[in-house]
Amino acid sequence: MKEYIESVLAPRLQGDGGWVEFVSLEDEKLTLIFRGECSKCLILNRCTDWIAQKIKDDLGKTVTVVPVRKKPFFWDQD
């Protein structure tokens, strides 16, 4: 799953200025960190639904995506 996230999904999100990182897959819960533009996106739920559907279509697995938003470290600097 990690390789699929990194090689298939991450490049698609990079095109919009976002970034996704695999954290874990436990039972059917896929935890992902969203960075860049994704960290402040107002429609992140649409993206997580799309990710879940792509995984089902491409890998035949049903997952629930648990998003974790992380701002780039430099956004917290004064």
C-alpha atoms as a PDB file:
ATOM      1  CA  MET A   1       0.000   0.000   0.000  1.00  0.00           C
ATOM      2  CA  LYS A   2       2.817   2.401   0.838  1.00  0.00           C
ATOM      3  CA  GLU A   3       4.373   1.905  -2.594  1.00  0.00           C
ATOM      4  CA  TYR A   4       0.993   2.469  -4.276  1.00  0.00           C
ATOM      5  CA  ILE A   5       0.479   5.719  -2.346  1.00  0.00           C
ATOM      6  CA  GLU A   6       3.971   6.971  -3.179  1.00  0.00           C
ATOM      7  CA  SER A   7       4.106   5.925  -6.825  1.00  0.00           C
ATOM      8  CA  VAL A   8       0.514   6.374  -8.016  1.00  0.00           C
ATOM      9  CA  LEU A   9      -1.380   8.802  -5.795  1.00  0.00           C
ATOM     10  CA  ALA A  10       1.308  11.191  -4.515  1.00  0.00           C
ATOM     11  CA  PRO A  11       2.366  12.341  -8.010  1.00  0.00           C
ATOM     12  CA  ARG A  12      -1.257  13.184  -8.871  1.00  0.00           C
ATOM     13  CA  LEU A  13      -1.585  15.366  -5.766  1.00  0.00           C
ATOM     14  CA  GLN A  14       1.770  17.034  -6.395  1.00  0.00           C
ATOM     15  CA  GLY A  15       0.330  18.442  -9.600  1.00  0.00           C
ATOM     16  CA  ASP A  16      -1.971  20.577  -7.446  1.00  0.00           C
ATOM     17  CA  GLY A  17       0.736  21.565  -4.958  1.00  0.00           C
ATOM     18  CA  GLY A  18      -0.142  18.924  -2.399  1.00  0.00           C
ATOM     19  CA  TRP A  19       1.623  15.970  -0.888  1.00  0.00           C
ATOM     20  CA  VAL A  20       0.434  12.750   0.751  1.00  0.00           C
ATOM     21  CA  GLU A  21       2.429  10.366   2.935  1.00  0.00           C
ATOM     22  CA  PHE A  22       1.567   6.853   4.060  1.00  0.00           C
ATOM     23  CA  VAL A  23       1.399   6.393   7.844  1.00  0.00           C
ATOM     24  CA  SER A  24      -0.338   3.076   8.460  1.00  0.00           C
ATOM     25  CA  LEU A  25      -2.940   0.574   7.347  1.00  0.00           C
ATOM     26  CA  GLU A  26      -4.648  -1.158  10.245  1.00  0.00           C
ATOM     27  CA  ASP A  27      -7.707  -3.263   9.595  1.00  0.00           C
ATOM     28  CA  GLU A  28      -9.386  -1.179   6.900  1.00  0.00           C
ATOM     29  CA  LYS A  29      -8.242   2.241   8.162  1.00  0.00           C
ATOM     30  CA  LEU A  30      -5.630   3.918   6.012  1.00  0.00           C
ATOM     31  CA  THR A  31      -3.966   6.837   7.787  1.00  0.00           C
ATOM     32  CA  LEU A  32      -2.337   9.397   5.524  1.00  0.00           C
ATOM     33  CA  ILE A  33      -0.574  12.694   6.215  1.00  0.00           C
ATOM     34  CA  PHE A  34      -1.530  15.528   3.893  1.00  0.00           C
ATOM     35  CA  ARG A  35       0.984  18.343   3.416  1.00  0.00           C
ATOM     36  CA  GLY A  36       1.400  21.394   1.212  1.00  0.00           C
ATOM     37  CA  GLU A  37      -1.806  22.674  -0.366  1.00  0.00           C
ATOM     38  CA  CYS A  38      -3.605  19.560   0.877  1.00  0.00           C
ATOM     39  CA  SER A  39      -3.019  20.603   4.488  1.00  0.00           C
ATOM     40  CA  LYS A  40      -5.283  23.624   4.049  1.00  0.00           C
ATOM     41  CA  CYS A  41      -7.685  22.309   1.407  1.00  0.00           C
ATOM     42  CA  LEU A  42     -11.353  22.975   2.078  1.00  0.00           C
ATOM     43  CA  ILE A  43     -12.489  19.915   0.115  1.00  0.00           C
ATOM     44  CA  LEU A  44     -10.041  17.332   1.477  1.00  0.00           C
ATOM     45  CA  ASN A  45     -12.961  14.966   2.076  1.00  0.00           C
ATOM     46  CA  ARG A  46     -13.477  14.743  -1.707  1.00  0.00           C
ATOM     47  CA  CYS A  47      -9.839  13.787  -2.118  1.00  0.00           C
ATOM     48  CA  THR A  48     -10.002  11.123   0.591  1.00  0.00           C
ATOM     49  CA  ASP A  49     -13.121   9.694  -1.069  1.00  0.00           C
ATOM     50  CA  TRP A  50     -11.268   9.675  -4.411  1.00  0.00           C
ATOM     51  CA  ILE A  51      -8.265   7.920  -2.821  1.00  0.00           C
ATOM     52  CA  ALA A  52     -10.507   5.253  -1.280  1.00  0.00           C
ATOM     53  CA  GLN A  53     -12.212   4.703  -4.652  1.00  0.00           C
ATOM     54  CA  LYS A  54      -8.872   4.504  -6.544  1.00  0.00           C
ATOM     55  CA  ILE A  55      -7.617   1.896  -4.071  1.00  0.00           C
ATOM     56  CA  LYS A  56     -10.801  -0.108  -4.502  1.00  0.00           C
ATOM     57  CA  ASP A  57     -10.633   0.142  -8.307  1.00  0.00           C
ATOM     58  CA  ASP A  58      -6.899  -0.511  -8.670  1.00  0.00           C
ATOM     59  CA  LEU A  59      -6.154  -2.847  -5.751  1.00  0.00           C
ATOM     60  CA  GLY A  60      -9.540  -4.349  -4.948  1.00  0.00           C
ATOM     61  CA  LYS A  61      -9.318  -3.260  -1.292  1.00  0.00           C
ATOM     62  CA  THR A  62     -11.909  -1.332   0.666  1.00  0.00           C
ATOM     63  CA  VAL A  63     -10.414   1.245   3.020  1.00  0.00           C
ATOM     64  CA  THR A  64     -11.471   4.252   5.020  1.00  0.00           C
ATOM     65  CA  VAL A  65      -8.989   7.093   4.683  1.00  0.00           C
ATOM     66  CA  VAL A  66      -8.091   8.861   7.926  1.00  0.00           C
ATOM     67  CA  PRO A  67      -6.540  12.227   6.991  1.00  0.00           C
ATOM     68  CA  VAL A  68      -3.969  14.011   9.138  1.00  0.00           C
ATOM     69  CA  ARG A  69      -3.235  17.597   8.092  1.00  0.00           C
ATOM     70  CA  LYS A  70       0.346  18.798   8.589  1.00  0.00           C
ATOM     71  CA  LYS A  71       1.514  22.266   7.707  1.00  0.00           C
ATOM     72  CA  PRO A  72       5.063  22.653   6.428  1.00  0.00           C
ATOM     73  CA  PHE A  73       7.392  23.424   9.311  1.00  0.00           C
ATOM     74  CA  PHE A  74       8.202  26.899   7.977  1.00  0.00           C
ATOM     75  CA  TRP A  75       4.534  28.012   8.229  1.00  0.00           C
ATOM     76  CA  ASP A  76       4.875  27.961  12.023  1.00  0.00           C
ATOM     77  CA  GLN A  77       7.905  30.256  12.036  1.00  0.00           C
ATOM     78  CA  ASP A  78       7.577  33.967  12.817  1.00  0.00           C
END
